[in-house]
Structure formats: C-alpha cells, structure tokens
PDB file of N, CA and C in Angstrom:
ATOM      1  N   UNK A   1     135.165 106.469  54.505  1.00  0.00           N
ATOM      2  CA  UNK A   1     135.966 107.252  55.412  1.00  0.00           C
ATOM      3  C   UNK A   1     136.826 106.307  56.247  1.00  0.00           C
ATOM      4  N   UNK A   2     138.100 106.619  56.332  1.00  0.00           N
ATOM      5  CA  UNK A   2     139.020 105.812  57.114  1.00  0.00           C
ATOM      6  C   UNK A   2     139.396 106.573  58.379  1.00  0.00           C
ATOM      7  N   UNK A   3     139.510 105.842  59.471  1.00  0.00           N
ATOM      8  CA  UNK A   3     139.963 106.419  60.735  1.00  0.00           C
ATOM      9  C   UNK A   3     141.334 105.835  61.032  1.00  0.00           C
ATOM     10  N   UNK A   4     142.264 106.693  61.275  1.00  0.00           N
ATOM     11  CA  UNK A   4     143.619 106.263  61.548  1.00  0.00           C
ATOM     12  C   UNK A   4     143.946 106.482  63.026  1.00  0.00           C
ATOM     13  N   UNK A   5     144.628 105.512  63.596  1.00  0.00           N
ATOM     14  CA  UNK A   5     145.110 105.635  64.973  1.00  0.00           C
ATOM     15  C   UNK A   5     146.477 106.305  64.927  1.00  0.00           C
ATOM     16  N   UNK A   6     146.646 107.320  65.724  1.00  0.00           N
ATOM     17  CA  UNK A   6     147.927 108.026  65.772  1.00  0.00           C
ATOM     18  C   UNK A   6     148.835 107.330  66.785  1.00  0.00           C
ATOM     19  N   UNK A   7     149.799 106.546  66.329  1.00  0.00           N
ATOM     20  CA  UNK A   7     150.668 105.821  67.262  1.00  0.00           C
ATOM     21  C   UNK A   7     151.606 106.741  68.044  1.00  0.00           C
ATOM     22  N   UNK A   8     151.696 107.991  67.638  1.00  0.00           N
ATOM     23  CA  UNK A   8     152.592 108.920  68.317  1.00  0.00           C
ATOM     24  C   UNK A   8     151.918 109.672  69.456  1.00  0.00           C
ATOM     25  N   UNK A   9     150.646 109.369  69.741  1.00  0.00           N
ATOM     26  CA  UNK A   9     149.945 110.056  70.813  1.00  0.00           C
ATOM     27  C   UNK A   9     150.285 109.390  72.147  1.00  0.00           C
ATOM     28  N   UNK A  10     151.573 109.444  72.494  1.00  0.00           N
ATOM     29  CA  UNK A  10     152.047 108.779  73.700  1.00  0.00           C
ATOM     30  C   UNK A  10     151.492 109.411  74.971  1.00  0.00           C
ATOM     31  N   UNK A  11     151.271 110.719  74.968  1.00  0.00           N
ATOM     32  CA  UNK A  11     150.837 111.399  76.186  1.00  0.00           C
ATOM     33  C   UNK A  11     149.483 110.870  76.667  1.00  0.00           C
ATOM     34  N   UNK A  12     148.540 110.725  75.765  1.00  0.00           N
ATOM     35  CA  UNK A  12     147.223 110.213  76.148  1.00  0.00           C
ATOM     36  C   UNK A  12     147.304 108.754  76.563  1.00  0.00           C
ATOM     37  N   UNK A  13     148.081 107.976  75.854  1.00  0.00           N
ATOM     38  CA  UNK A  13     148.201 106.553  76.204  1.00  0.00           C
ATOM     39  C   UNK A  13     148.857 106.403  77.581  1.00  0.00           C
ATOM     40  N   UNK A  14     149.873 107.208  77.872  1.00  0.00           N
ATOM     41  CA  UNK A  14     150.488 107.167  79.197  1.00  0.00           C
ATOM     42  C   UNK A  14     149.481 107.574  80.266  1.00  0.00           C
ATOM     43  N   UNK A  15     148.760 108.646  80.010  1.00  0.00           N
ATOM     44  CA  UNK A  15     147.788 109.165  80.978  1.00  0.00           C
ATOM     45  C   UNK A  15     146.779 108.081  81.363  1.00  0.00           C
ATOM     46  N   UNK A  16     146.366 107.311  80.399  1.00  0.00           N
ATOM     47  CA  UNK A  16     145.385 106.255  80.643  1.00  0.00           C
ATOM     48  C   UNK A  16     145.958 105.117  81.482  1.00  0.00           C
ATOM     49  N   UNK A  17     147.263 104.898  81.402  1.00  0.00           N
ATOM     50  CA  UNK A  17     147.857 103.753  82.090  1.00  0.00           C
ATOM     51  C   UNK A  17     148.555 104.097  83.399  1.00  0.00           C
ATOM     52  N   UNK A  18     148.844 105.366  83.624  1.00  0.00           N
ATOM     53  CA  UNK A  18     149.471 105.746  84.895  1.00  0.00           C
ATOM     54  C   UNK A  18     148.520 105.458  86.048  1.00  0.00           C
ATOM     55  N   UNK A  19     149.073 105.230  87.246  1.00  0.00           N
ATOM     56  CA  UNK A  19     148.213 105.096  88.418  1.00  0.00           C
ATOM     57  C   UNK A  19     147.450 106.409  88.666  1.00  0.00           C
ATOM     58  N   UNK A  20     146.398 106.319  89.447  1.00  0.00           N
ATOM     59  CA  UNK A  20     145.608 107.486  89.821  1.00  0.00           C
ATOM     60  C   UNK A  20     146.528 108.568  90.406  1.00  0.00           C
ATOM     61  N   UNK A  21     146.262 109.828  90.105  1.00  0.00           N
ATOM     62  CA  UNK A  21     147.122 110.927  90.566  1.00  0.00           C
ATOM     63  C   UNK A  21     147.178 110.979  92.091  1.00  0.00           C
ATOM     64  N   UNK A  22     146.079 110.649  92.756  1.00  0.00           N
ATOM     65  CA  UNK A  22     146.093 110.616  94.218  1.00  0.00           C
ATOM     66  C   UNK A  22     147.048 109.564  94.747  1.00  0.00           C
ATOM     67  N   UNK A  23     147.095 108.403  94.100  1.00  0.00           N
ATOM     68  CA  UNK A  23     148.026 107.345  94.500  1.00  0.00           C
ATOM     69  C   UNK A  23     149.475 107.770  94.253  1.00  0.00           C
ATOM     70  N   UNK A  24     149.697 108.486  93.154  1.00  0.00           N
ATOM     71  CA  UNK A  24     151.044 108.970  92.861  1.00  0.00           C
ATOM     72  C   UNK A  24     151.500 109.976  93.916  1.00  0.00           C
ATOM     73  N   UNK A  25     150.604 110.900  94.260  1.00  0.00           N
ATOM     74  CA  UNK A  25     150.958 111.905  95.264  1.00  0.00           C
ATOM     75  C   UNK A  25     151.191 111.271  96.629  1.00  0.00           C
ATOM     76  N   UNK A  26     150.413 110.259  96.976  1.00  0.00           N
ATOM     77  CA  UNK A  26     150.603 109.580  98.249  1.00  0.00           C
ATOM     78  C   UNK A  26     151.972 108.897  98.284  1.00  0.00           C
ATOM     79  N   UNK A  27     152.391 108.322  97.178  1.00  0.00           N
ATOM     80  CA  UNK A  27     153.712 107.695  97.117  1.00  0.00           C
ATOM     81  C   UNK A  27     154.818 108.735  97.286  1.00  0.00           C
ATOM     82  N   UNK A  28     154.664 109.897  96.679  1.00  0.00           N
ATOM     83  CA  UNK A  28     155.658 110.961  96.821  1.00  0.00           C
ATOM     84  C   UNK A  28     155.683 111.466  98.270  1.00  0.00           C
ATOM     85  N   UNK A  29     154.504 111.592  98.890  1.00  0.00           N
ATOM     86  CA  UNK A  29     154.423 111.990 100.292  1.00  0.00           C
ATOM     87  C   UNK A  29     155.181 110.993 101.163  1.00  0.00           C
ATOM     88  N   UNK A  30     154.934 109.711 100.948  1.00  0.00           N
ATOM     89  CA  UNK A  30     155.599 108.682 101.760  1.00  0.00           C
ATOM     90  C   UNK A  30     157.113 108.718 101.568  1.00  0.00           C
ATOM     91  N   UNK A  31     157.565 108.975 100.363  1.00  0.00           N
ATOM     92  CA  UNK A  31     158.998 109.098 100.100  1.00  0.00           C
ATOM     93  C   UNK A  31     159.587 110.284 100.849  1.00  0.00           C
ATOM     94  N   UNK A  32     158.943 111.431 100.752  1.00  0.00           N
ATOM     95  CA  UNK A  32     159.449 112.632 101.428  1.00  0.00           C
ATOM     96  C   UNK A  32     159.433 112.441 102.946  1.00  0.00           C
ATOM     97  N   UNK A  33     158.386 111.828 103.454  1.00  0.00           N
ATOM     98  CA  UNK A  33     158.302 111.574 104.891  1.00  0.00           C
ATOM     99  C   UNK A  33     159.428 110.629 105.325  1.00  0.00           C
ATOM    100  N   UNK A  34     159.680 109.607 104.550  1.00  0.00           N
ATOM    101  CA  UNK A  34     160.761 108.667 104.851  1.00  0.00           C
ATOM    102  C   UNK A  34     162.115 109.375 104.831  1.00  0.00           C
ATOM    103  N   UNK A  35     162.315 110.220 103.841  1.00  0.00           N
ATOM    104  CA  UNK A  35     163.575 110.959 103.748  1.00  0.00           C
ATOM    105  C   UNK A  35     163.783 111.807 104.993  1.00  0.00           C
ATOM    106  N   UNK A  36     162.748 112.475 105.437  1.00  0.00           N
ATOM    107  CA  UNK A  36     162.839 113.315 106.631  1.00  0.00           C
ATOM    108  C   UNK A  36     163.155 112.450 107.858  1.00  0.00           C
ATOM    109  N   UNK A  37     162.448 111.330 107.991  1.00  0.00           N
ATOM    110  CA  UNK A  37     162.627 110.452 109.151  1.00  0.00           C
ATOM    111  C   UNK A  37     164.018 109.829 109.215  1.00  0.00           C
ATOM    112  N   UNK A  38     164.683 109.726 108.082  1.00  0.00           N
ATOM    113  CA  UNK A  38     166.036 109.172 108.059  1.00  0.00           C
ATOM    114  C   UNK A  38     167.106 110.264 108.102  1.00  0.00           C
ATOM    115  N   UNK A  39     166.683 111.485 108.422  1.00  0.00           N
ATOM    116  CA  UNK A  39     167.635 112.566 108.650  1.00  0.00           C
ATOM    117  C   UNK A  39     167.993 113.399 107.444  1.00  0.00           C
ATOM    118  N   UNK A  40     167.352 113.183 106.324  1.00  0.00           N
ATOM    119  CA  UNK A  40     167.655 113.991 105.152  1.00  0.00           C
ATOM    120  C   UNK A  40     166.888 115.307 105.227  1.00  0.00           C
ATOM    121  N   UNK A  41     167.562 116.363 104.876  1.00  0.00           N
ATOM    122  CA  UNK A  41     166.942 117.682 104.924  1.00  0.00           C
ATOM    123  C   UNK A  41     166.105 117.904 103.670  1.00  0.00           C
ATOM    124  N   UNK A  42     164.864 118.320 103.891  1.00  0.00           N
ATOM    125  CA  UNK A  42     163.965 118.620 102.779  1.00  0.00           C
ATOM    126  C   UNK A  42     163.920 120.123 102.542  1.00  0.00           C
ATOM    127  N   UNK A  43     163.676 120.546 101.312  1.00  0.00           N
ATOM    128  CA  UNK A  43     163.464 121.973 101.071  1.00  0.00           C
ATOM    129  C   UNK A  43     162.272 122.448 101.912  1.00  0.00           C
ATOM    130  N   UNK A  44     162.288 123.702 102.366  1.00  0.00           N
ATOM    131  CA  UNK A  44     161.220 124.190 103.240  1.00  0.00           C
ATOM    132  C   UNK A  44     159.810 123.976 102.703  1.00  0.00           C
ATOM    133  N   UNK A  45     159.602 124.215 101.421  1.00  0.00           N
ATOM    134  CA  UNK A  45     158.244 124.038 100.884  1.00  0.00           C
ATOM    135  C   UNK A  45     157.824 122.568 100.869  1.00  0.00           C
ATOM    136  N   UNK A  46     158.761 121.674 100.676  1.00  0.00           N
ATOM    137  CA  UNK A  46     158.447 120.243 100.712  1.00  0.00           C
ATOM    138  C   UNK A  46     158.153 119.814 102.146  1.00  0.00           C
ATOM    139  N   UNK A  47     158.939 120.309 103.091  1.00  0.00           N
ATOM    140  CA  UNK A  47     158.682 120.008 104.491  1.00  0.00           C
ATOM    141  C   UNK A  47     157.316 120.499 104.942  1.00  0.00           C
ATOM    142  N   UNK A  48     156.942 121.683 104.495  1.00  0.00           N
ATOM    143  CA  UNK A  48     155.618 122.224 104.821  1.00  0.00           C
ATOM    144  C   UNK A  48     154.525 121.354 104.221  1.00  0.00           C
ATOM    145  N   UNK A  49     154.714 120.916 102.987  1.00  0.00           N
ATOM    146  CA  UNK A  49     153.741 120.052 102.317  1.00  0.00           C
ATOM    147  C   UNK A  49     153.585 118.734 103.072  1.00  0.00           C
ATOM    148  N   UNK A  50     154.706 118.146 103.503  1.00  0.00           N
ATOM    149  CA  UNK A  50     154.655 116.896 104.259  1.00  0.00           C
ATOM    150  C   UNK A  50     153.877 117.107 105.556  1.00  0.00           C
ATOM    151  N   UNK A  51     154.151 118.214 106.244  1.00  0.00           N
ATOM    152  CA  UNK A  51     153.430 118.513 107.493  1.00  0.00           C
ATOM    153  C   UNK A  51     151.930 118.644 107.250  1.00  0.00           C
ATOM    154  N   UNK A  52     151.550 119.342 106.192  1.00  0.00           N
ATOM    155  CA  UNK A  52     150.128 119.532 105.887  1.00  0.00           C
ATOM    156  C   UNK A  52     149.453 118.208 105.532  1.00  0.00           C
ATOM    157  N   UNK A  53     150.118 117.389 104.742  1.00  0.00           N
ATOM    158  CA  UNK A  53     149.553 116.088 104.383  1.00  0.00           C
ATOM    159  C   UNK A  53     149.442 115.194 105.610  1.00  0.00           C
ATOM    160  N   UNK A  54     150.462 115.199 106.452  1.00  0.00           N
ATOM    161  CA  UNK A  54     150.444 114.368 107.662  1.00  0.00           C
ATOM    162  C   UNK A  54     149.298 114.782 108.576  1.00  0.00           C
ATOM    163  N   UNK A  55     149.039 116.084 108.670  1.00  0.00           N
ATOM    164  CA  UNK A  55     147.940 116.568 109.513  1.00  0.00           C
ATOM    165  C   UNK A  55     146.595 116.060 108.993  1.00  0.00           C
ATOM    166  N   UNK A  56     146.415 116.072 107.696  1.00  0.00           N
ATOM    167  CA  UNK A  56     145.160 115.577 107.108  1.00  0.00           C
ATOM    168  C   UNK A  56     145.042 114.067 107.338  1.00  0.00           C
ATOM    169  N   UNK A  57     146.131 113.336 107.148  1.00  0.00           N
ATOM    170  CA  UNK A  57     146.102 111.890 107.362  1.00  0.00           C
ATOM    171  C   UNK A  57     145.793 111.566 108.822  1.00  0.00           C
ATOM    172  N   UNK A  58     146.303 112.367 109.741  1.00  0.00           N
ATOM    173  CA  UNK A  58     146.023 112.154 111.162  1.00  0.00           C
ATOM    174  C   UNK A  58     144.568 112.486 111.482  1.00  0.00           C
ATOM    175  N   UNK A  59     144.049 113.524 110.864  1.00  0.00           N
ATOM    176  CA  UNK A  59     142.671 113.940 111.093  1.00  0.00           C
ATOM    177  C   UNK A  59     141.686 112.893 110.568  1.00  0.00           C
ATOM    178  N   UNK A  60     142.012 112.277 109.454  1.00  0.00           N
ATOM    179  CA  UNK A  60     141.164 111.271 108.816  1.00  0.00           C
ATOM    180  C   UNK A  60     141.960 109.983 108.613  1.00  0.00           C
ATOM    181  N   UNK A  61     142.162 109.212 109.677  1.00  0.00           N
ATOM    182  CA  UNK A  61     142.982 107.989 109.548  1.00  0.00           C
ATOM    183  C   UNK A  61     142.312 106.949 108.648  1.00  0.00           C
ATOM    184  N   UNK A  62     143.153 106.138 108.047  1.00  0.00           N
ATOM    185  CA  UNK A  62     142.654 105.068 107.176  1.00  0.00           C
ATOM    186  C   UNK A  62     141.928 104.019 108.017  1.00  0.00           C
ATOM    187  N   UNK A  63     140.898 103.462 107.438  1.00  0.00           N
ATOM    188  CA  UNK A  63     140.155 102.396 108.121  1.00  0.00           C
ATOM    189  C   UNK A  63     141.036 101.155 108.207  1.00  0.00           C
ATOM    190  N   UNK A  64     140.933 100.461 109.308  1.00  0.00           N
ATOM    191  CA  UNK A  64     141.752  99.258 109.500  1.00  0.00           C
ATOM    192  C   UNK A  64     140.995  98.013 109.215  1.00  0.00           C
TER     193      UNK A  64
END
C-alpha cells in the first residue's frame, strides 16, 4: 500500500503555519484601535468591537 502526500492541500498547510487565531485577532484589534486614534472613521460594528475588546483588556491587564 502506498500513501501519497497531496501537495495541493494548501488550506491545511497554511492553517498549521499561521499564527494563533487569538494573536491574529489581537493584531487586527490593535490596527483598528490605531486607525481610530489617528482620526479615521471606523464602521459602527468595528467601533463597537474595538470598544468591547478594549473593555476586556482594561478589566484584565497584561502582566508586566
């Protein structure tokens, strides 16, 4: 019996190498927060998301 590797299974290979989803979301949060702080208008749902994330980060600050 032969086992063949499917070189076209890019989705699984990408999934394995991408950063953790929490790290990705934190980067997107920081980008949106930066955009807001520099005067760029965010869509209402994005602004609400930034506010909710900021509240959680304030409630549970990172250890120094």
